[in-house]
Amino acid sequence: MRFKNQDRAVNLRVPAEIYEKLDHIAEQRWTNISNVIRQGIRKELEANDELFSEEYLNLNRHHQKAY
């Protein structure tokens, strides 16, 4: 995945044990930890796709940030 100007950086603190597991996955896949985390986020978004339907978003628009 290529960095785009509209991308947002996210800092994340995880326990050392989790980091070691992510590092192991990254090494097994010949990639880096950032890519493993991005793939995990994509899977979670796909698994919760129903939360992003137009109807759901309209019903919950009042929860969105106002700034």
N, C-alpha and C. Protein backbone atom coordinates (compact mmCIF):
# COMPACT_ATOMS: atom_id res chain seq x y z
N MET A 1 0.85 -1.18 0.00
CA MET A 1 0.00 0.00 0.00
C MET A 1 0.89 1.23 0.00
N ARG A 2 0.52 2.18 -0.79
CA ARG A 2 1.31 3.40 -0.93
C ARG A 2 0.75 4.51 -0.06
N PHE A 3 1.64 5.29 0.54
CA PHE A 3 1.24 6.43 1.37
C PHE A 3 0.59 7.49 0.51
N LYS A 4 -0.52 8.00 0.96
CA LYS A 4 -1.22 9.07 0.26
C LYS A 4 -1.36 10.26 1.19
N ASN A 5 -1.51 11.43 0.64
CA ASN A 5 -1.62 12.65 1.46
C ASN A 5 -2.82 12.63 2.39
N GLN A 6 -3.88 11.90 2.04
CA GLN A 6 -5.05 11.86 2.91
C GLN A 6 -4.94 10.77 3.97
N ASP A 7 -3.88 9.98 3.97
CA ASP A 7 -3.67 8.96 5.00
C ASP A 7 -3.41 9.62 6.34
N ARG A 8 -3.73 8.94 7.42
CA ARG A 8 -3.52 9.43 8.77
C ARG A 8 -2.60 8.47 9.51
N ALA A 9 -1.64 9.03 10.23
CA ALA A 9 -0.74 8.22 11.04
C ALA A 9 -1.42 7.91 12.37
N VAL A 10 -1.20 6.70 12.86
CA VAL A 10 -1.77 6.27 14.13
C VAL A 10 -0.64 5.68 14.97
N ASN A 11 -0.51 6.17 16.19
CA ASN A 11 0.46 5.59 17.13
C ASN A 11 -0.28 4.61 18.01
N LEU A 12 0.36 3.49 18.26
CA LEU A 12 -0.30 2.42 18.98
C LEU A 12 0.66 1.79 19.99
N ARG A 13 0.20 1.66 21.22
CA ARG A 13 0.98 0.99 22.25
C ARG A 13 0.38 -0.39 22.47
N VAL A 14 1.23 -1.41 22.38
CA VAL A 14 0.77 -2.78 22.62
C VAL A 14 1.73 -3.44 23.62
N PRO A 15 1.24 -4.42 24.35
CA PRO A 15 2.13 -5.15 25.26
C PRO A 15 3.26 -5.83 24.47
N ALA A 16 4.39 -6.02 25.12
CA ALA A 16 5.56 -6.62 24.47
C ALA A 16 5.22 -7.98 23.87
N GLU A 17 4.41 -8.77 24.56
CA GLU A 17 4.03 -10.09 24.06
C GLU A 17 3.29 -10.00 22.72
N ILE A 18 2.39 -9.04 22.60
CA ILE A 18 1.65 -8.83 21.36
C ILE A 18 2.61 -8.37 20.26
N TYR A 19 3.50 -7.45 20.59
CA TYR A 19 4.47 -6.96 19.61
C TYR A 19 5.31 -8.11 19.07
N GLU A 20 5.75 -8.99 19.95
CA GLU A 20 6.57 -10.14 19.52
C GLU A 20 5.79 -11.04 18.58
N LYS A 21 4.50 -11.24 18.86
CA LYS A 21 3.67 -12.05 17.97
C LYS A 21 3.50 -11.38 16.61
N LEU A 22 3.26 -10.06 16.62
CA LEU A 22 3.13 -9.34 15.36
C LEU A 22 4.43 -9.40 14.56
N ASP A 23 5.55 -9.27 15.26
CA ASP A 23 6.85 -9.35 14.61
C ASP A 23 7.06 -10.72 13.98
N HIS A 24 6.65 -11.76 14.68
CA HIS A 24 6.79 -13.12 14.16
C HIS A 24 5.93 -13.31 12.90
N ILE A 25 4.69 -12.81 12.95
CA ILE A 25 3.82 -12.89 11.77
C ILE A 25 4.46 -12.15 10.60
N ALA A 26 4.99 -10.97 10.86
CA ALA A 26 5.62 -10.17 9.81
C ALA A 26 6.80 -10.91 9.19
N GLU A 27 7.62 -11.52 10.02
CA GLU A 27 8.77 -12.26 9.48
C GLU A 27 8.32 -13.46 8.65
N GLN A 28 7.29 -14.14 9.09
CA GLN A 28 6.79 -15.30 8.34
C GLN A 28 6.23 -14.89 6.98
N ARG A 29 5.70 -13.69 6.91
CA ARG A 29 5.10 -13.20 5.66
C ARG A 29 6.06 -12.31 4.86
N TRP A 30 7.29 -12.18 5.30
CA TRP A 30 8.30 -11.35 4.63
C TRP A 30 7.81 -9.92 4.45
N THR A 31 7.29 -9.34 5.52
CA THR A 31 6.78 -7.97 5.47
C THR A 31 7.16 -7.26 6.76
N ASN A 32 6.50 -6.17 7.10
CA ASN A 32 6.81 -5.46 8.34
C ASN A 32 5.58 -5.43 9.25
N ILE A 33 5.79 -5.03 10.49
CA ILE A 33 4.71 -5.03 11.47
C ILE A 33 3.59 -4.07 11.06
N SER A 34 3.94 -2.93 10.49
CA SER A 34 2.91 -1.97 10.05
C SER A 34 1.94 -2.62 9.08
N ASN A 35 2.46 -3.39 8.15
CA ASN A 35 1.60 -4.05 7.17
C ASN A 35 0.70 -5.08 7.85
N VAL A 36 1.23 -5.82 8.81
CA VAL A 36 0.43 -6.81 9.54
C VAL A 36 -0.72 -6.10 10.27
N ILE A 37 -0.43 -4.98 10.90
CA ILE A 37 -1.46 -4.23 11.62
C ILE A 37 -2.51 -3.68 10.65
N ARG A 38 -2.07 -3.13 9.52
CA ARG A 38 -3.03 -2.61 8.53
C ARG A 38 -3.93 -3.72 8.02
N GLN A 39 -3.38 -4.90 7.77
CA GLN A 39 -4.18 -6.03 7.30
C GLN A 39 -5.21 -6.43 8.36
N GLY A 40 -4.80 -6.42 9.63
CA GLY A 40 -5.72 -6.74 10.72
C GLY A 40 -6.85 -5.73 10.81
N ILE A 41 -6.53 -4.47 10.62
CA ILE A 41 -7.56 -3.42 10.64
C ILE A 41 -8.53 -3.62 9.49
N ARG A 42 -8.00 -3.92 8.31
CA ARG A 42 -8.88 -4.17 7.15
C ARG A 42 -9.83 -5.34 7.42
N LYS A 43 -9.31 -6.42 7.99
CA LYS A 43 -10.15 -7.58 8.29
C LYS A 43 -11.24 -7.21 9.28
N GLU A 44 -10.91 -6.42 10.29
CA GLU A 44 -11.89 -6.00 11.29
C GLU A 44 -12.95 -5.11 10.66
N LEU A 45 -12.55 -4.21 9.77
CA LEU A 45 -13.51 -3.34 9.09
C LEU A 45 -14.45 -4.16 8.20
N GLU A 46 -13.91 -5.15 7.50
CA GLU A 46 -14.74 -6.01 6.65
C GLU A 46 -15.71 -6.83 7.49
N ALA A 47 -15.25 -7.32 8.65
CA ALA A 47 -16.10 -8.13 9.53
C ALA A 47 -17.24 -7.30 10.12
N ASN A 48 -17.06 -5.99 10.20
CA ASN A 48 -18.07 -5.10 10.78
C ASN A 48 -18.67 -4.17 9.73
N ASP A 49 -18.71 -4.62 8.51
CA ASP A 49 -19.16 -3.78 7.40
C ASP A 49 -20.58 -3.26 7.60
N GLU A 50 -21.42 -4.01 8.30
CA GLU A 50 -22.80 -3.57 8.51
C GLU A 50 -22.88 -2.27 9.30
N LEU A 51 -21.83 -1.94 10.03
CA LEU A 51 -21.81 -0.69 10.79
C LEU A 51 -21.64 0.54 9.91
N PHE A 52 -21.33 0.32 8.65
CA PHE A 52 -21.06 1.43 7.74
C PHE A 52 -22.13 1.58 6.67
N SER A 53 -23.28 0.95 6.87
CA SER A 53 -24.36 1.12 5.90
C SER A 53 -24.84 2.57 5.98
N GLU A 54 -25.38 3.07 4.90
CA GLU A 54 -25.85 4.45 4.85
C GLU A 54 -26.91 4.70 5.92
N GLU A 55 -27.81 3.73 6.10
CA GLU A 55 -28.86 3.88 7.11
C GLU A 55 -28.27 3.98 8.52
N TYR A 56 -27.32 3.12 8.83
CA TYR A 56 -26.69 3.15 10.16
C TYR A 56 -25.95 4.46 10.38
N LEU A 57 -25.21 4.90 9.38
CA LEU A 57 -24.47 6.15 9.51
C LEU A 57 -25.41 7.33 9.72
N ASN A 58 -26.52 7.35 9.00
CA ASN A 58 -27.48 8.45 9.16
C ASN A 58 -28.11 8.44 10.55
N LEU A 59 -28.43 7.26 11.06
CA LEU A 59 -29.03 7.17 12.39
C LEU A 59 -28.06 7.57 13.49
N ASN A 60 -26.75 7.42 13.25
CA ASN A 60 -25.76 7.69 14.28
C ASN A 60 -24.88 8.90 13.98
N ARG A 61 -25.33 9.73 13.06
CA ARG A 61 -24.54 10.89 12.67
C ARG A 61 -24.31 11.84 13.86
N HIS A 62 -25.20 11.86 14.81
CA HIS A 62 -25.06 12.75 15.96
C HIS A 62 -23.89 12.35 16.86
N HIS A 63 -23.34 11.15 16.68
CA HIS A 63 -22.19 10.71 17.45
C HIS A 63 -20.86 11.15 16.83
N GLN A 64 -20.91 11.66 15.62
CA GLN A 64 -19.69 12.04 14.92
C GLN A 64 -19.11 13.33 15.49
N LYS A 65 -17.82 13.48 15.28
CA LYS A 65 -17.12 14.68 15.74
C LYS A 65 -17.66 15.91 15.03
N ALA A 66 -17.75 17.00 15.75
CA ALA A 66 -18.30 18.23 15.17
C ALA A 66 -17.22 19.15 14.61
N TYR A 67 -15.97 18.76 14.73
CA TYR A 67 -14.90 19.64 14.26
C TYR A 67 -14.21 19.11 13.05
